[in-house]
Amino acid sequence: MAEAVDFVLADEPAEVIRRFRARLATVSWPVPDTDPSIRLAMANAIPKPVRERLSADLRLLVLPELWLATIGNALTGEPQLVLVAVPDAELLDAHTVVHDALAGKVKGAVARYLPGQWVPHCTLTRELTYPQVGRAMSNLGVIRPLRAQVAAVGITDTRTGIFHPIRGA
């Protein structure tokens, strides 16, 4: 089991992303059934004292507005189609706050979410084959930059998909 720190997007931008996912699902590409979000960190487990510190630290932070401005793919074991967020100063500051709270207190931190490695994005599909990536991009057509507010920050159990908020907007 792994747990992740996620920014869940507000209703209006989340609905736009759900429509993108629905368009992809109509041609049988696998799409996430979770709320649209930006993942900031992932580890084997995030203990309660760490969650409490993270919640306190995040209360001091103005949650960033995001610009999801580029469609791309995440080259994991099998690629995923994603909307990439512009990594501006506010988003990078929030990412740093999260990792400062987790540093040395969680085991099994996933490297692709660490500072210097992280590419902030919202997932549009689950695993695709390489030939499907281009076809999925073509299926979406032109995508305009999407301004997104963060509705909540929380811990997601990646096995069950259950989201536990630790801070609202």
C-alpha atoms as a PDB file:
ATOM      1  CA  MET A   1       0.000   0.000   0.000  1.00  0.00           C
ATOM      2  CA  ALA A   2       1.142   3.561  -0.693  1.00  0.00           C
ATOM      3  CA  GLU A   3      -0.187   6.908   0.425  1.00  0.00           C
ATOM      4  CA  ALA A   4       0.042  10.127  -1.529  1.00  0.00           C
ATOM      5  CA  VAL A   5      -0.314  13.838  -0.852  1.00  0.00           C
ATOM      6  CA  ASP A   6      -2.728  15.287  -3.414  1.00  0.00           C
ATOM      7  CA  PHE A   7      -4.143  18.685  -4.372  1.00  0.00           C
ATOM      8  CA  VAL A   8      -7.758  18.004  -5.384  1.00  0.00           C
ATOM      9  CA  LEU A   9      -8.996  20.509  -7.940  1.00  0.00           C
ATOM     10  CA  ALA A  10     -12.052  22.736  -7.487  1.00  0.00           C
ATOM     11  CA  ASP A  11     -15.375  21.818  -9.099  1.00  0.00           C
ATOM     12  CA  GLU A  12     -15.242  23.827 -12.337  1.00  0.00           C
ATOM     13  CA  PRO A  13     -11.762  22.784 -13.550  1.00  0.00           C
ATOM     14  CA  ALA A  14     -12.361  19.254 -12.253  1.00  0.00           C
ATOM     15  CA  GLU A  15     -15.474  19.054 -14.426  1.00  0.00           C
ATOM     16  CA  VAL A  16     -13.481  20.109 -17.509  1.00  0.00           C
ATOM     17  CA  ILE A  17     -10.989  17.322 -16.792  1.00  0.00           C
ATOM     18  CA  ARG A  18     -13.811  14.818 -16.253  1.00  0.00           C
ATOM     19  CA  ARG A  19     -15.129  15.751 -19.720  1.00  0.00           C
ATOM     20  CA  PHE A  20     -11.667  15.134 -21.216  1.00  0.00           C
ATOM     21  CA  ARG A  21     -11.570  11.757 -19.475  1.00  0.00           C
ATOM     22  CA  ALA A  22     -15.085  10.918 -20.680  1.00  0.00           C
ATOM     23  CA  ARG A  23     -14.098  11.726 -24.268  1.00  0.00           C
ATOM     24  CA  LEU A  24     -11.135   9.361 -23.952  1.00  0.00           C
ATOM     25  CA  ALA A  25     -13.257   6.660 -22.311  1.00  0.00           C
ATOM     26  CA  THR A  26     -15.705   6.661 -25.242  1.00  0.00           C
ATOM     27  CA  VAL A  27     -12.963   5.075 -27.345  1.00  0.00           C
ATOM     28  CA  SER A  28     -12.176   2.553 -24.604  1.00  0.00           C
ATOM     29  CA  TRP A  29      -8.989   4.093 -23.223  1.00  0.00           C
ATOM     30  CA  PRO A  30      -8.639   3.530 -19.489  1.00  0.00           C
ATOM     31  CA  VAL A  31      -9.234   6.662 -17.416  1.00  0.00           C
ATOM     32  CA  PRO A  32      -8.921   7.274 -13.664  1.00  0.00           C
ATOM     33  CA  ASP A  33     -12.111   7.170 -11.633  1.00  0.00           C
ATOM     34  CA  THR A  34     -10.656   9.420  -8.924  1.00  0.00           C
ATOM     35  CA  ASP A  35     -11.224  13.159  -8.576  1.00  0.00           C
ATOM     36  CA  PRO A  36      -8.884  15.239 -10.739  1.00  0.00           C
ATOM     37  CA  SER A  37      -5.822  16.136  -8.688  1.00  0.00           C
ATOM     38  CA  ILE A  38      -2.141  17.001  -8.698  1.00  0.00           C
ATOM     39  CA  ARG A  39       0.040  14.537  -6.768  1.00  0.00           C
ATOM     40  CA  LEU A  40       2.817  16.158  -4.745  1.00  0.00           C
ATOM     41  CA  ALA A  41       4.350  13.187  -2.919  1.00  0.00           C
ATOM     42  CA  MET A  42       3.993   9.460  -2.377  1.00  0.00           C
ATOM     43  CA  ALA A  43       5.450   7.075   0.190  1.00  0.00           C
ATOM     44  CA  ASN A  44       4.721   3.666   1.693  1.00  0.00           C
ATOM     45  CA  ALA A  45       2.781   5.329   4.536  1.00  0.00           C
ATOM     46  CA  ILE A  46       2.325   8.797   5.997  1.00  0.00           C
ATOM     47  CA  PRO A  47       2.001   8.421   9.783  1.00  0.00           C
ATOM     48  CA  LYS A  48      -0.514  10.464  11.810  1.00  0.00           C
ATOM     49  CA  PRO A  49       2.087  12.799  13.416  1.00  0.00           C
ATOM     50  CA  VAL A  50       3.449  13.630   9.959  1.00  0.00           C
ATOM     51  CA  ARG A  51      -0.065  14.337   8.676  1.00  0.00           C
ATOM     52  CA  GLU A  52      -0.654  16.663  11.619  1.00  0.00           C
ATOM     53  CA  ARG A  53       2.574  18.575  10.952  1.00  0.00           C
ATOM     54  CA  LEU A  54       1.782  18.746   7.245  1.00  0.00           C
ATOM     55  CA  SER A  55      -1.699  20.072   7.988  1.00  0.00           C
ATOM     56  CA  ALA A  56      -0.268  22.751  10.305  1.00  0.00           C
ATOM     57  CA  ASP A  57       2.380  23.768   7.771  1.00  0.00           C
ATOM     58  CA  LEU A  58      -0.149  23.962   4.955  1.00  0.00           C
ATOM     59  CA  ARG A  59      -2.407  26.241   7.031  1.00  0.00           C
ATOM     60  CA  LEU A  60       0.359  28.854   6.791  1.00  0.00           C
ATOM     61  CA  LEU A  61       0.459  28.605   3.008  1.00  0.00           C
ATOM     62  CA  VAL A  62      -1.754  30.250   0.420  1.00  0.00           C
ATOM     63  CA  LEU A  63      -2.742  27.378  -1.832  1.00  0.00           C
ATOM     64  CA  PRO A  64      -1.658  28.083  -5.384  1.00  0.00           C
ATOM     65  CA  GLU A  65      -3.839  28.530  -8.415  1.00  0.00           C
ATOM     66  CA  LEU A  66      -2.617  26.241 -11.138  1.00  0.00           C
ATOM     67  CA  TRP A  67      -2.346  26.614 -14.874  1.00  0.00           C
ATOM     68  CA  LEU A  68      -2.727  23.271 -16.617  1.00  0.00           C
ATOM     69  CA  ALA A  69      -1.259  24.368 -19.899  1.00  0.00           C
ATOM     70  CA  THR A  70       0.404  21.474 -21.714  1.00  0.00           C
ATOM     71  CA  ILE A  71      -0.820  18.064 -22.764  1.00  0.00           C
ATOM     72  CA  GLY A  72       1.850  15.397 -22.534  1.00  0.00           C
ATOM     73  CA  ASN A  73       2.624  11.925 -21.365  1.00  0.00           C
ATOM     74  CA  ALA A  74       4.103  10.525 -18.197  1.00  0.00           C
ATOM     75  CA  LEU A  75       6.559   7.810 -19.121  1.00  0.00           C
ATOM     76  CA  THR A  76       5.994   5.403 -16.283  1.00  0.00           C
ATOM     77  CA  GLY A  77       5.970   1.616 -16.810  1.00  0.00           C
ATOM     78  CA  GLU A  78       3.284   2.243 -19.403  1.00  0.00           C
ATOM     79  CA  PRO A  79       2.668   5.840 -20.492  1.00  0.00           C
ATOM     80  CA  GLN A  80      -0.229   7.961 -19.293  1.00  0.00           C
ATOM     81  CA  LEU A  81      -1.728  11.011 -20.947  1.00  0.00           C
ATOM     82  CA  VAL A  82      -1.534  14.033 -18.615  1.00  0.00           C
ATOM     83  CA  LEU A  83      -2.196  17.764 -18.377  1.00  0.00           C
ATOM     84  CA  VAL A  84       1.012  19.340 -17.116  1.00  0.00           C
ATOM     85  CA  ALA A  85       0.821  22.224 -14.647  1.00  0.00           C
ATOM     86  CA  VAL A  86       3.068  25.245 -15.038  1.00  0.00           C
ATOM     87  CA  PRO A  87       5.625  24.880 -12.202  1.00  0.00           C
ATOM     88  CA  ASP A  88       5.472  28.492 -10.989  1.00  0.00           C
ATOM     89  CA  ALA A  89       6.943  29.785  -7.719  1.00  0.00           C
ATOM     90  CA  GLU A  90       3.754  29.261  -5.674  1.00  0.00           C
ATOM     91  CA  LEU A  91       3.333  25.657  -6.786  1.00  0.00           C
ATOM     92  CA  LEU A  92       6.990  24.876  -6.178  1.00  0.00           C
ATOM     93  CA  ASP A  93       6.769  26.499  -2.714  1.00  0.00           C
ATOM     94  CA  ALA A  94       3.785  24.290  -1.833  1.00  0.00           C
ATOM     95  CA  HIS A  95       5.693  21.243  -3.074  1.00  0.00           C
ATOM     96  CA  THR A  96       8.665  22.200  -0.886  1.00  0.00           C
ATOM     97  CA  VAL A  97       6.429  22.625   2.186  1.00  0.00           C
ATOM     98  CA  VAL A  98       5.043  19.122   1.642  1.00  0.00           C
ATOM     99  CA  HIS A  99       8.470  17.545   1.276  1.00  0.00           C
ATOM    100  CA  ASP A 100       9.928  19.460   4.228  1.00  0.00           C
ATOM    101  CA  ALA A 101       7.150  17.984   6.394  1.00  0.00           C
ATOM    102  CA  LEU A 102       7.772  14.456   5.070  1.00  0.00           C
ATOM    103  CA  ALA A 103      11.599  14.526   5.016  1.00  0.00           C
ATOM    104  CA  GLY A 104      13.075  11.794   7.170  1.00  0.00           C
ATOM    105  CA  LYS A 105       9.670  10.864   8.582  1.00  0.00           C
ATOM    106  CA  VAL A 106       8.288   8.550   5.891  1.00  0.00           C
ATOM    107  CA  LYS A 107       9.709   5.415   4.321  1.00  0.00           C
ATOM    108  CA  GLY A 108       9.645   4.436   0.698  1.00  0.00           C
ATOM    109  CA  ALA A 109       9.283   7.930  -0.765  1.00  0.00           C
ATOM    110  CA  VAL A 110       8.711   7.630  -4.512  1.00  0.00           C
ATOM    111  CA  ALA A 111      11.561   9.369  -6.333  1.00  0.00           C
ATOM    112  CA  ARG A 112       9.525  10.869  -9.196  1.00  0.00           C
ATOM    113  CA  TYR A 113       7.717  13.152  -6.708  1.00  0.00           C
ATOM    114  CA  LEU A 114      10.857  14.467  -4.979  1.00  0.00           C
ATOM    115  CA  PRO A 115      12.008  18.059  -5.512  1.00  0.00           C
ATOM    116  CA  GLY A 116      14.049  18.300  -8.686  1.00  0.00           C
ATOM    117  CA  GLN A 117      12.352  15.204 -10.168  1.00  0.00           C
ATOM    118  CA  TRP A 118       8.680  16.144  -9.965  1.00  0.00           C
ATOM    119  CA  VAL A 119       6.622  17.137 -12.998  1.00  0.00           C
ATOM    120  CA  PRO A 120       3.288  18.466 -11.685  1.00  0.00           C
ATOM    121  CA  HIS A 121       0.388  17.042 -13.678  1.00  0.00           C
ATOM    122  CA  CYS A 122      -3.203  15.850 -13.654  1.00  0.00           C
ATOM    123  CA  THR A 123      -3.690  12.371 -15.084  1.00  0.00           C
ATOM    124  CA  LEU A 124      -6.144  11.987 -17.965  1.00  0.00           C
ATOM    125  CA  THR A 125      -5.641   8.277 -18.693  1.00  0.00           C
ATOM    126  CA  ARG A 126      -4.308   5.262 -16.933  1.00  0.00           C
ATOM    127  CA  GLU A 127      -1.785   3.078 -18.749  1.00  0.00           C
ATOM    128  CA  LEU A 128      -1.717   3.224 -22.535  1.00  0.00           C
ATOM    129  CA  THR A 129       0.459   1.495 -25.061  1.00  0.00           C
ATOM    130  CA  TYR A 130       2.947   3.731 -26.850  1.00  0.00           C
ATOM    131  CA  PRO A 131       0.924   3.780 -30.111  1.00  0.00           C
ATOM    132  CA  GLN A 132      -2.214   4.805 -28.164  1.00  0.00           C
ATOM    133  CA  VAL A 133      -0.590   7.958 -26.726  1.00  0.00           C
ATOM    134  CA  GLY A 134      -0.593   9.873 -30.017  1.00  0.00           C
ATOM    135  CA  ARG A 135      -4.094   8.710 -30.907  1.00  0.00           C
ATOM    136  CA  ALA A 136      -5.370   9.778 -27.475  1.00  0.00           C
ATOM    137  CA  MET A 137      -3.818  13.234 -27.923  1.00  0.00           C
ATOM    138  CA  SER A 138      -5.467  13.518 -31.338  1.00  0.00           C
ATOM    139  CA  ASN A 139      -8.800  12.451 -29.829  1.00  0.00           C
ATOM    140  CA  LEU A 140      -8.694  15.398 -27.419  1.00  0.00           C
ATOM    141  CA  GLY A 141      -7.869  17.919 -30.129  1.00  0.00           C
ATOM    142  CA  VAL A 142      -6.825  21.436 -29.158  1.00  0.00           C
ATOM    143  CA  ILE A 143      -6.768  22.039 -25.429  1.00  0.00           C
ATOM    144  CA  ARG A 144      -6.724  25.566 -24.054  1.00  0.00           C
ATOM    145  CA  PRO A 145      -4.831  26.346 -20.834  1.00  0.00           C
ATOM    146  CA  LEU A 146      -7.023  25.606 -17.827  1.00  0.00           C
ATOM    147  CA  ARG A 147      -6.873  27.703 -14.675  1.00  0.00           C
ATOM    148  CA  ALA A 148      -7.509  25.505 -11.639  1.00  0.00           C
ATOM    149  CA  GLN A 149      -7.967  26.272  -7.990  1.00  0.00           C
ATOM    150  CA  VAL A 150      -7.113  23.780  -5.271  1.00  0.00           C
ATOM    151  CA  ALA A 151     -10.243  22.705  -3.364  1.00  0.00           C
ATOM    152  CA  ALA A 152      -8.488  20.528  -0.785  1.00  0.00           C
ATOM    153  CA  VAL A 153      -5.201  18.941   0.175  1.00  0.00           C
ATOM    154  CA  GLY A 154      -5.194  15.455   1.566  1.00  0.00           C
ATOM    155  CA  ILE A 155      -3.797  11.971   1.767  1.00  0.00           C
ATOM    156  CA  THR A 156      -4.961   9.414  -0.787  1.00  0.00           C
ATOM    157  CA  ASP A 157      -4.709   5.698  -0.134  1.00  0.00           C
ATOM    158  CA  THR A 158      -3.505   4.618  -3.576  1.00  0.00           C
ATOM    159  CA  ARG A 159      -4.838   1.085  -3.116  1.00  0.00           C
ATOM    160  CA  THR A 160      -8.449   2.078  -2.351  1.00  0.00           C
ATOM    161  CA  GLY A 161      -8.536   5.587  -3.822  1.00  0.00           C
ATOM    162  CA  ILE A 162      -9.974   6.947  -0.562  1.00  0.00           C
ATOM    163  CA  PHE A 163      -9.040  10.615   0.002  1.00  0.00           C
ATOM    164  CA  HIS A 164      -8.611  11.963   3.556  1.00  0.00           C
ATOM    165  CA  PRO A 165      -8.597  15.780   3.537  1.00  0.00           C
ATOM    166  CA  ILE A 166      -6.074  17.534   5.769  1.00  0.00           C
ATOM    167  CA  ARG A 167      -6.851  21.059   4.572  1.00  0.00           C
ATOM    168  CA  GLY A 168      -9.612  22.709   2.596  1.00  0.00           C
ATOM    169  CA  ALA A 169      -9.152  25.713   0.335  1.00  0.00           C
END
